[in-house]
Full PDB file with SEQRES, HELIX, SHEET, SSBOND, CRYST1, ORIGX, SCALE, CONECT and MASTER records, all heavy atoms in Angstrom:
SEQRES   1 A   33  ARG GLY LYS LEU GLN THR SER PRO ARG LYS MET VAL ASN          
SEQRES   2 A   33  THR ALA LEU SER ASP GLU GLU LYS GLY ILE GLN ASP LYS          
SEQRES   3 A   33  GLU SER LYS GLU GLU SER ILE                                  
HELIX    1 AA1 GLY A    2  GLN A    5  1                                   4    
HELIX    2 AA2 ASP A   18  SER A   32  1                                  15    
CRYST1    1.000    1.000    1.000  90.00  90.00  90.00 P 1           1          
ORIGX1      1.000000  0.000000  0.000000        0.00000                         
ORIGX2      0.000000  1.000000  0.000000        0.00000                         
ORIGX3      0.000000  0.000000  1.000000        0.00000                         
SCALE1      1.000000  0.000000  0.000000        0.00000                         
SCALE2      0.000000  1.000000  0.000000        0.00000                         
SCALE3      0.000000  0.000000  1.000000        0.00000                         
ATOM      1  N   ARG A   1      68.547  40.958 -42.551  1.00  0.00           N  
ATOM      2  CA  ARG A   1      68.807  40.865 -43.985  1.00  0.00           C  
ATOM      3  C   ARG A   1      67.940  39.770 -44.608  1.00  0.00           C  
ATOM      4  O   ARG A   1      67.372  39.925 -45.681  1.00  0.00           O  
ATOM      5  CB  ARG A   1      70.282  40.590 -44.237  1.00  0.00           C  
ATOM      6  CG  ARG A   1      70.655  40.682 -45.699  1.00  0.00           C  
ATOM      7  CD  ARG A   1      72.141  40.456 -45.935  1.00  0.00           C  
ATOM      8  NE  ARG A   1      72.935  41.382 -45.158  1.00  0.00           N  
ATOM      9  CZ  ARG A   1      74.071  41.061 -44.548  1.00  0.00           C  
ATOM     10  NH1 ARG A   1      74.533  39.825 -44.621  1.00  0.00           N  
ATOM     11  NH2 ARG A   1      74.733  41.948 -43.853  1.00  0.00           N  
ATOM     12  N   GLY A   2      67.806  38.645 -43.893  1.00  0.00           N  
ATOM     13  CA  GLY A   2      66.984  37.552 -44.400  1.00  0.00           C  
ATOM     14  C   GLY A   2      65.522  37.946 -44.504  1.00  0.00           C  
ATOM     15  O   GLY A   2      64.837  37.594 -45.454  1.00  0.00           O  
ATOM     16  N   LYS A   3      65.024  38.699 -43.517  1.00  0.00           N  
ATOM     17  CA  LYS A   3      63.631  39.128 -43.559  1.00  0.00           C  
ATOM     18  C   LYS A   3      63.396  40.119 -44.693  1.00  0.00           C  
ATOM     19  O   LYS A   3      62.364  40.106 -45.336  1.00  0.00           O  
ATOM     20  CB  LYS A   3      63.223  39.751 -42.235  1.00  0.00           C  
ATOM     21  CG  LYS A   3      63.047  38.745 -41.140  1.00  0.00           C  
ATOM     22  CD  LYS A   3      62.500  39.392 -39.909  1.00  0.00           C  
ATOM     23  CE  LYS A   3      62.387  38.365 -38.820  1.00  0.00           C  
ATOM     24  NZ  LYS A   3      61.087  38.229 -38.284  1.00  0.00           N  
ATOM     25  N   LEU A   4      64.365  41.004 -44.939  1.00  0.00           N  
ATOM     26  CA  LEU A   4      64.208  41.978 -46.008  1.00  0.00           C  
ATOM     27  C   LEU A   4      64.236  41.315 -47.373  1.00  0.00           C  
ATOM     28  O   LEU A   4      63.522  41.710 -48.273  1.00  0.00           O  
ATOM     29  CB  LEU A   4      65.302  43.046 -45.921  1.00  0.00           C  
ATOM     30  CG  LEU A   4      65.208  44.015 -44.744  1.00  0.00           C  
ATOM     31  CD1 LEU A   4      66.413  44.941 -44.743  1.00  0.00           C  
ATOM     32  CD2 LEU A   4      63.926  44.812 -44.804  1.00  0.00           C  
ATOM     33  N   GLN A   5      65.068  40.294 -47.537  1.00  0.00           N  
ATOM     34  CA  GLN A   5      65.188  39.639 -48.826  1.00  0.00           C  
ATOM     35  C   GLN A   5      64.016  38.729 -49.136  1.00  0.00           C  
ATOM     36  O   GLN A   5      63.678  38.518 -50.290  1.00  0.00           O  
ATOM     37  CB  GLN A   5      66.484  38.837 -48.886  1.00  0.00           C  
ATOM     38  CG  GLN A   5      67.713  39.712 -48.945  1.00  0.00           C  
ATOM     39  CD  GLN A   5      68.992  38.912 -48.896  1.00  0.00           C  
ATOM     40  OE1 GLN A   5      68.976  37.697 -48.669  1.00  0.00           O  
ATOM     41  NE2 GLN A   5      70.129  39.570 -49.083  1.00  0.00           N  
ATOM     42  N   THR A   6      63.334  38.198 -48.127  1.00  0.00           N  
ATOM     43  CA  THR A   6      62.253  37.259 -48.374  1.00  0.00           C  
ATOM     44  C   THR A   6      60.886  37.929 -48.426  1.00  0.00           C  
ATOM     45  O   THR A   6      59.877  37.258 -48.565  1.00  0.00           O  
ATOM     46  CB  THR A   6      62.223  36.171 -47.288  1.00  0.00           C  
ATOM     47  OG1 THR A   6      62.052  36.797 -46.017  1.00  0.00           O  
ATOM     48  CG2 THR A   6      63.488  35.343 -47.301  1.00  0.00           C  
ATOM     49  N   SER A   7      60.833  39.258 -48.296  1.00  0.00           N  
ATOM     50  CA  SER A   7      59.526  39.911 -48.353  1.00  0.00           C  
ATOM     51  C   SER A   7      58.996  39.880 -49.780  1.00  0.00           C  
ATOM     52  O   SER A   7      59.732  40.130 -50.730  1.00  0.00           O  
ATOM     53  CB  SER A   7      59.619  41.359 -47.846  1.00  0.00           C  
ATOM     54  OG  SER A   7      60.464  42.099 -48.680  1.00  0.00           O  
ATOM     55  N   PRO A   8      57.706  39.558 -49.952  1.00  0.00           N  
ATOM     56  CA  PRO A   8      57.150  39.445 -51.299  1.00  0.00           C  
ATOM     57  C   PRO A   8      56.986  40.822 -51.935  1.00  0.00           C  
ATOM     58  O   PRO A   8      56.620  41.793 -51.300  1.00  0.00           O  
ATOM     59  CB  PRO A   8      55.788  38.787 -51.080  1.00  0.00           C  
ATOM     60  CG  PRO A   8      55.437  39.134 -49.673  1.00  0.00           C  
ATOM     61  CD  PRO A   8      56.738  39.239 -48.935  1.00  0.00           C  
ATOM     62  N   ARG A   9      57.259  40.883 -53.208  1.00  0.00           N  
ATOM     63  CA  ARG A   9      57.135  42.129 -53.960  1.00  0.00           C  
ATOM     64  C   ARG A   9      56.043  41.954 -55.010  1.00  0.00           C  
ATOM     65  O   ARG A   9      55.955  40.909 -55.652  1.00  0.00           O  
ATOM     66  CB  ARG A   9      58.444  42.500 -54.664  1.00  0.00           C  
ATOM     67  CG  ARG A   9      59.610  42.651 -53.734  1.00  0.00           C  
ATOM     68  CD  ARG A   9      59.538  43.966 -53.050  1.00  0.00           C  
ATOM     69  NE  ARG A   9      60.714  44.097 -52.188  1.00  0.00           N  
ATOM     70  CZ  ARG A   9      60.829  44.993 -51.267  1.00  0.00           C  
ATOM     71  NH1 ARG A   9      59.860  45.832 -51.071  1.00  0.00           N  
ATOM     72  NH2 ARG A   9      61.897  45.064 -50.531  1.00  0.00           N  
ATOM     73  N   LYS A  10      55.229  42.973 -55.187  1.00  0.00           N  
ATOM     74  CA  LYS A  10      54.191  42.928 -56.200  1.00  0.00           C  
ATOM     75  C   LYS A  10      54.360  44.122 -57.128  1.00  0.00           C  
ATOM     76  O   LYS A  10      54.650  45.222 -56.681  1.00  0.00           O  
ATOM     77  CB  LYS A  10      52.800  42.983 -55.572  1.00  0.00           C  
ATOM     78  CG  LYS A  10      52.436  41.748 -54.792  1.00  0.00           C  
ATOM     79  CD  LYS A  10      51.031  41.844 -54.275  1.00  0.00           C  
ATOM     80  CE  LYS A  10      50.674  40.588 -53.495  1.00  0.00           C  
ATOM     81  NZ  LYS A  10      49.318  40.647 -52.978  1.00  0.00           N  
ATOM     82  N   MET A  11      54.164  43.879 -58.382  1.00  0.00           N  
ATOM     83  CA  MET A  11      54.215  44.960 -59.360  1.00  0.00           C  
ATOM     84  C   MET A  11      52.814  45.557 -59.464  1.00  0.00           C  
ATOM     85  O   MET A  11      51.839  44.845 -59.634  1.00  0.00           O  
ATOM     86  CB  MET A  11      54.663  44.432 -60.729  1.00  0.00           C  
ATOM     87  CG  MET A  11      56.056  43.843 -60.713  1.00  0.00           C  
ATOM     88  SD  MET A  11      57.304  45.076 -60.353  1.00  0.00           S  
ATOM     89  CE  MET A  11      57.309  45.971 -61.869  1.00  0.00           C  
ATOM     90  N   VAL A  12      52.718  46.861 -59.334  1.00  0.00           N  
ATOM     91  CA  VAL A  12      51.433  47.533 -59.372  1.00  0.00           C  
ATOM     92  C   VAL A  12      51.424  48.499 -60.544  1.00  0.00           C  
ATOM     93  O   VAL A  12      52.356  49.278 -60.718  1.00  0.00           O  
ATOM     94  CB  VAL A  12      51.176  48.301 -58.052  1.00  0.00           C  
ATOM     95  CG1 VAL A  12      49.854  49.037 -58.111  1.00  0.00           C  
ATOM     96  CG2 VAL A  12      51.214  47.347 -56.881  1.00  0.00           C  
ATOM     97  N   ASN A  13      50.380  48.441 -61.335  1.00  0.00           N  
ATOM     98  CA  ASN A  13      50.234  49.360 -62.451  1.00  0.00           C  
ATOM     99  C   ASN A  13      49.656  50.667 -61.928  1.00  0.00           C  
ATOM    100  O   ASN A  13      48.510  50.721 -61.495  1.00  0.00           O  
ATOM    101  CB  ASN A  13      49.324  48.756 -63.523  1.00  0.00           C  
ATOM    102  CG  ASN A  13      49.261  49.618 -64.760  1.00  0.00           C  
ATOM    103  OD1 ASN A  13      49.972  50.598 -64.871  1.00  0.00           O  
ATOM    104  ND2 ASN A  13      48.413  49.230 -65.702  1.00  0.00           N  
ATOM    105  N   THR A  14      50.454  51.720 -61.964  1.00  0.00           N  
ATOM    106  CA  THR A  14      50.008  53.004 -61.425  1.00  0.00           C  
ATOM    107  C   THR A  14      49.473  53.930 -62.502  1.00  0.00           C  
ATOM    108  O   THR A  14      49.079  55.050 -62.205  1.00  0.00           O  
ATOM    109  CB  THR A  14      51.156  53.711 -60.690  1.00  0.00           C  
ATOM    110  OG1 THR A  14      52.251  53.869 -61.583  1.00  0.00           O  
ATOM    111  CG2 THR A  14      51.585  52.902 -59.479  1.00  0.00           C  
ATOM    112  N   ALA A  15      49.477  53.488 -63.745  1.00  0.00           N  
ATOM    113  CA  ALA A  15      48.962  54.316 -64.830  1.00  0.00           C  
ATOM    114  C   ALA A  15      47.438  54.319 -64.764  1.00  0.00           C  
ATOM    115  O   ALA A  15      46.792  53.284 -64.837  1.00  0.00           O  
ATOM    116  CB  ALA A  15      49.430  53.787 -66.175  1.00  0.00           C  
ATOM    117  N   LEU A  16      46.853  55.491 -64.553  1.00  0.00           N  
ATOM    118  CA  LEU A  16      45.405  55.610 -64.436  1.00  0.00           C  
ATOM    119  C   LEU A  16      44.848  56.411 -65.612  1.00  0.00           C  
ATOM    120  O   LEU A  16      45.480  57.348 -66.096  1.00  0.00           O  
ATOM    121  CB  LEU A  16      45.037  56.314 -63.128  1.00  0.00           C  
ATOM    122  CG  LEU A  16      45.500  55.653 -61.838  1.00  0.00           C  
ATOM    123  CD1 LEU A  16      45.184  56.545 -60.657  1.00  0.00           C  
ATOM    124  CD2 LEU A  16      44.834  54.308 -61.674  1.00  0.00           C  
ATOM    125  N   SER A  17      43.663  56.038 -66.025  1.00  0.00           N  
ATOM    126  CA  SER A  17      43.022  56.797 -67.086  1.00  0.00           C  
ATOM    127  C   SER A  17      42.463  58.085 -66.508  1.00  0.00           C  
ATOM    128  O   SER A  17      42.411  58.289 -65.302  1.00  0.00           O  
ATOM    129  CB  SER A  17      41.907  55.968 -67.722  1.00  0.00           C  
ATOM    130  OG  SER A  17      40.865  55.774 -66.779  1.00  0.00           O  
ATOM    131  N   ASP A  18      42.026  58.980 -67.397  1.00  0.00           N  
ATOM    132  CA  ASP A  18      41.471  60.259 -66.943  1.00  0.00           C  
ATOM    133  C   ASP A  18      40.205  60.045 -66.125  1.00  0.00           C  
ATOM    134  O   ASP A  18      39.954  60.765 -65.157  1.00  0.00           O  
ATOM    135  CB  ASP A  18      41.165  61.156 -68.153  1.00  0.00           C  
ATOM    136  CG  ASP A  18      42.432  61.631 -68.839  1.00  0.00           C  
ATOM    137  OD1 ASP A  18      43.481  61.681 -68.151  1.00  0.00           O  
ATOM    138  OD2 ASP A  18      42.382  61.962 -70.040  1.00  0.00           O  
ATOM    139  N   GLU A  19      39.414  59.044 -66.483  1.00  0.00           N  
ATOM    140  CA  GLU A  19      38.174  58.758 -65.753  1.00  0.00           C  
ATOM    141  C   GLU A  19      38.482  58.294 -64.326  1.00  0.00           C  
ATOM    142  O   GLU A  19      37.837  58.739 -63.369  1.00  0.00           O  
ATOM    143  CB  GLU A  19      37.381  57.680 -66.492  1.00  0.00           C  
ATOM    144  CG  GLU A  19      36.050  57.340 -65.845  1.00  0.00           C  
ATOM    145  CD  GLU A  19      35.302  56.284 -66.634  1.00  0.00           C  
ATOM    146  OE1 GLU A  19      35.268  56.377 -67.875  1.00  0.00           O  
ATOM    147  OE2 GLU A  19      34.768  55.370 -65.993  1.00  0.00           O  
ATOM    148  N   GLU A  20      39.477  57.412 -64.197  1.00  0.00           N  
ATOM    149  CA  GLU A  20      39.849  56.929 -62.864  1.00  0.00           C  
ATOM    150  C   GLU A  20      40.416  58.050 -62.009  1.00  0.00           C  
ATOM    151  O   GLU A  20      40.176  58.114 -60.803  1.00  0.00           O  
ATOM    152  CB  GLU A  20      40.853  55.793 -62.994  1.00  0.00           C  
ATOM    153  CG  GLU A  20      40.247  54.518 -63.559  1.00  0.00           C  
ATOM    154  CD  GLU A  20      41.296  53.458 -63.836  1.00  0.00           C  
ATOM    155  OE1 GLU A  20      42.490  53.813 -63.924  1.00  0.00           O  
ATOM    156  OE2 GLU A  20      40.919  52.294 -63.982  1.00  0.00           O  
ATOM    157  N   LYS A  21      41.186  58.964 -62.607  1.00  0.00           N  
ATOM    158  CA  LYS A  21      41.725  60.101 -61.860  1.00  0.00           C  
ATOM    159  C   LYS A  21      40.601  61.002 -61.370  1.00  0.00           C  
ATOM    160  O   LYS A  21      40.637  61.491 -60.251  1.00  0.00           O  
ATOM    161  CB  LYS A  21      42.694  60.904 -62.733  1.00  0.00           C  
ATOM    162  CG  LYS A  21      44.018  60.227 -62.952  1.00  0.00           C  
ATOM    163  CD  LYS A  21      44.931  61.078 -63.798  1.00  0.00           C  
ATOM    164  CE  LYS A  21      46.224  60.366 -64.090  1.00  0.00           C  
ATOM    165  NZ  LYS A  21      47.117  61.143 -64.961  1.00  0.00           N  
ATOM    166  N   GLY A  22      39.581  61.201 -62.217  1.00  0.00           N  
ATOM    167  CA  GLY A  22      38.441  62.018 -61.819  1.00  0.00           C  
ATOM    168  C   GLY A  22      37.687  61.407 -60.660  1.00  0.00           C  
ATOM    169  O   GLY A  22      37.267  62.105 -59.733  1.00  0.00           O  
ATOM    170  N   ILE A  23      37.523  60.084 -60.688  1.00  0.00           N  
ATOM    171  CA  ILE A  23      36.833  59.385 -59.606  1.00  0.00           C  
ATOM    172  C   ILE A  23      37.634  59.508 -58.316  1.00  0.00           C  
ATOM    173  O   ILE A  23      37.067  59.769 -57.245  1.00  0.00           O  
ATOM    174  CB  ILE A  23      36.600  57.903 -59.983  1.00  0.00           C  
ATOM    175  CG1 ILE A  23      35.576  57.806 -61.120  1.00  0.00           C  
ATOM    176  CG2 ILE A  23      36.128  57.098 -58.781  1.00  0.00           C  
ATOM    177  CD1 ILE A  23      35.441  56.415 -61.706  1.00  0.00           C  
ATOM    178  N   GLN A  24      38.950  59.338 -58.405  1.00  0.00           N  
ATOM    179  CA  GLN A  24      39.786  59.447 -57.204  1.00  0.00           C  
ATOM    180  C   GLN A  24      39.771  60.871 -56.645  1.00  0.00           C  
ATOM    181  O   GLN A  24      39.761  61.057 -55.433  1.00  0.00           O  
ATOM    182  CB  GLN A  24      41.221  59.019 -57.510  1.00  0.00           C  
ATOM    183  CG  GLN A  24      41.386  57.520 -57.580  1.00  0.00           C  
ATOM    184  CD  GLN A  24      42.845  57.122 -57.710  1.00  0.00           C  
ATOM    185  OE1 GLN A  24      43.719  57.949 -57.926  1.00  0.00           O  
ATOM    186  NE2 GLN A  24      43.102  55.830 -57.586  1.00  0.00           N  
ATOM    187  N   ASP A  25      39.776  61.873 -57.521  1.00  0.00           N  
ATOM    188  CA  ASP A  25      39.709  63.261 -57.059  1.00  0.00           C  
ATOM    189  C   ASP A  25      38.401  63.527 -56.327  1.00  0.00           C  
ATOM    190  O   ASP A  25      38.379  64.190 -55.292  1.00  0.00           O  
ATOM    191  CB  ASP A  25      39.872  64.237 -58.223  1.00  0.00           C  
ATOM    192  CG  ASP A  25      41.286  64.257 -58.785  1.00  0.00           C  
ATOM    193  OD1 ASP A  25      42.215  63.818 -58.062  1.00  0.00           O  
ATOM    194  OD2 ASP A  25      41.457  64.705 -59.934  1.00  0.00           O  
ATOM    195  N   LYS A  26      37.297  63.003 -56.893  1.00  0.00           N  
ATOM    196  CA  LYS A  26      35.989  63.195 -56.270  1.00  0.00           C  
ATOM    197  C   LYS A  26      35.938  62.519 -54.908  1.00  0.00           C  
ATOM    198  O   LYS A  26      35.448  63.101 -53.933  1.00  0.00           O  
ATOM    199  CB  LYS A  26      34.903  62.624 -57.188  1.00  0.00           C  
ATOM    200  CG  LYS A  26      33.503  62.843 -56.680  1.00  0.00           C  
ATOM    201  CD  LYS A  26      32.473  62.278 -57.648  1.00  0.00           C  
ATOM    202  CE  LYS A  26      31.076  62.447 -57.080  1.00  0.00           C  
ATOM    203  NZ  LYS A  26      30.073  61.834 -57.949  1.00  0.00           N  
ATOM    204  N   GLU A  27      36.466  61.286 -54.814  1.00  0.00           N  
ATOM    205  CA  GLU A  27      36.482  60.578 -53.537  1.00  0.00           C  
ATOM    206  C   GLU A  27      37.360  61.296 -52.523  1.00  0.00           C  
ATOM    207  O   GLU A  27      37.021  61.377 -51.337  1.00  0.00           O  
ATOM    208  CB  GLU A  27      36.966  59.142 -53.739  1.00  0.00           C  
ATOM    209  CG  GLU A  27      35.963  58.261 -54.449  1.00  0.00           C  
ATOM    210  CD  GLU A  27      36.509  56.865 -54.727  1.00  0.00           C  
ATOM    211  OE1 GLU A  27      37.706  56.621 -54.455  1.00  0.00           O  
ATOM    212  OE2 GLU A  27      35.744  56.027 -55.215  1.00  0.00           O  
ATOM    213  N   SER A  28      38.472  61.833 -52.978  1.00  0.00           N  
ATOM    214  CA  SER A  28      39.367  62.567 -52.089  1.00  0.00           C  
ATOM    215  C   SER A  28      38.689  63.807 -51.539  1.00  0.00           C  
ATOM    216  O   SER A  28      38.817  64.130 -50.352  1.00  0.00           O  
ATOM    217  CB  SER A  28      40.653  62.938 -52.828  1.00  0.00           C  
ATOM    218  OG  SER A  28      41.475  63.735 -52.028  1.00  0.00           O  
ATOM    219  N   LYS A  29      37.949  64.493 -52.404  1.00  0.00           N  
ATOM    220  CA  LYS A  29      37.231  65.704 -51.973  1.00  0.00           C  
ATOM    221  C   LYS A  29      36.149  65.337 -50.958  1.00  0.00           C  
ATOM    222  O   LYS A  29      35.978  66.027 -49.944  1.00  0.00           O  
ATOM    223  CB  LYS A  29      36.613  66.390 -53.184  1.00  0.00           C  
ATOM    224  CG  LYS A  29      36.140  67.784 -52.931  1.00  0.00           C  
ATOM    225  CD  LYS A  29      35.714  68.464 -54.233  1.00  0.00           C  
ATOM    226  CE  LYS A  29      35.427  69.919 -54.005  1.00  0.00           C  
ATOM    227  NZ  LYS A  29      35.089  70.599 -55.252  1.00  0.00           N  
ATOM    228  N   GLU A  30      35.429  64.243 -51.210  1.00  0.00           N  
ATOM    229  CA  GLU A  30      34.401  63.798 -50.270  1.00  0.00           C  
ATOM    230  C   GLU A  30      35.004  63.438 -48.916  1.00  0.00           C  
ATOM    231  O   GLU A  30      34.451  63.791 -47.873  1.00  0.00           O  
ATOM    232  CB  GLU A  30      33.672  62.578 -50.838  1.00  0.00           C  
ATOM    233  CG  GLU A  30      32.742  62.885 -51.997  1.00  0.00           C  
ATOM    234  CD  GLU A  30      32.129  61.624 -52.585  1.00  0.00           C  
ATOM    235  OE1 GLU A  30      32.415  60.517 -52.087  1.00  0.00           O  
ATOM    236  OE2 GLU A  30      31.358  61.757 -53.557  1.00  0.00           O  
ATOM    237  N   GLU A  31      36.148  62.768 -48.932  1.00  0.00           N  
ATOM    238  CA  GLU A  31      36.803  62.388 -47.679  1.00  0.00           C  
ATOM    239  C   GLU A  31      37.243  63.608 -46.892  1.00  0.00           C  
ATOM    240  O   GLU A  31      37.120  63.644 -45.669  1.00  0.00           O  
ATOM    241  CB  GLU A  31      38.000  61.488 -47.964  1.00  0.00           C  
ATOM    242  CG  GLU A  31      37.612  60.095 -48.407  1.00  0.00           C  
ATOM    243  CD  GLU A  31      38.809  59.246 -48.781  1.00  0.00           C  
ATOM    244  OE1 GLU A  31      39.951  59.751 -48.718  1.00  0.00           O  
ATOM    245  OE2 GLU A  31      38.608  58.080 -49.140  1.00  0.00           O  
ATOM    246  N   SER A  32      37.766  64.620 -47.588  1.00  0.00           N  
ATOM    247  CA  SER A  32      38.205  65.824 -46.874  1.00  0.00           C  
ATOM    248  C   SER A  32      37.012  66.577 -46.282  1.00  0.00           C  
ATOM    249  O   SER A  32      37.100  67.122 -45.177  1.00  0.00           O  
ATOM    250  CB  SER A  32      39.022  66.737 -47.788  1.00  0.00           C  
ATOM    251  OG  SER A  32      38.236  67.211 -48.854  1.00  0.00           O  
ATOM    252  N   ILE A  33      35.881  66.588 -46.999  1.00  0.00           N  
ATOM    253  CA  ILE A  33      34.676  67.241 -46.471  1.00  0.00           C  
ATOM    254  C   ILE A  33      34.171  66.489 -45.238  1.00  0.00           C  
ATOM    255  O   ILE A  33      33.817  67.100 -44.222  1.00  0.00           O  
ATOM    256  CB  ILE A  33      33.583  67.328 -47.564  1.00  0.00           C  
ATOM    257  CG1 ILE A  33      34.002  68.324 -48.646  1.00  0.00           C  
ATOM    258  CG2 ILE A  33      32.239  67.717 -46.971  1.00  0.00           C  
ATOM    259  CD1 ILE A  33      33.109  68.332 -49.865  1.00  0.00           C  
TER     260      ILE A  33                                                      
MASTER        0    0    0    2    0    0    0    6  259    1    0    3          
END                                                                             
């Protein structure tokens, strides 16, 4: 319980613009190829 409570938490902004989504899609396609 002590280890679970003391773990650091970070807030991450998951909102991506259309340009960033396009870049991630392209990278994902390259990785699968």
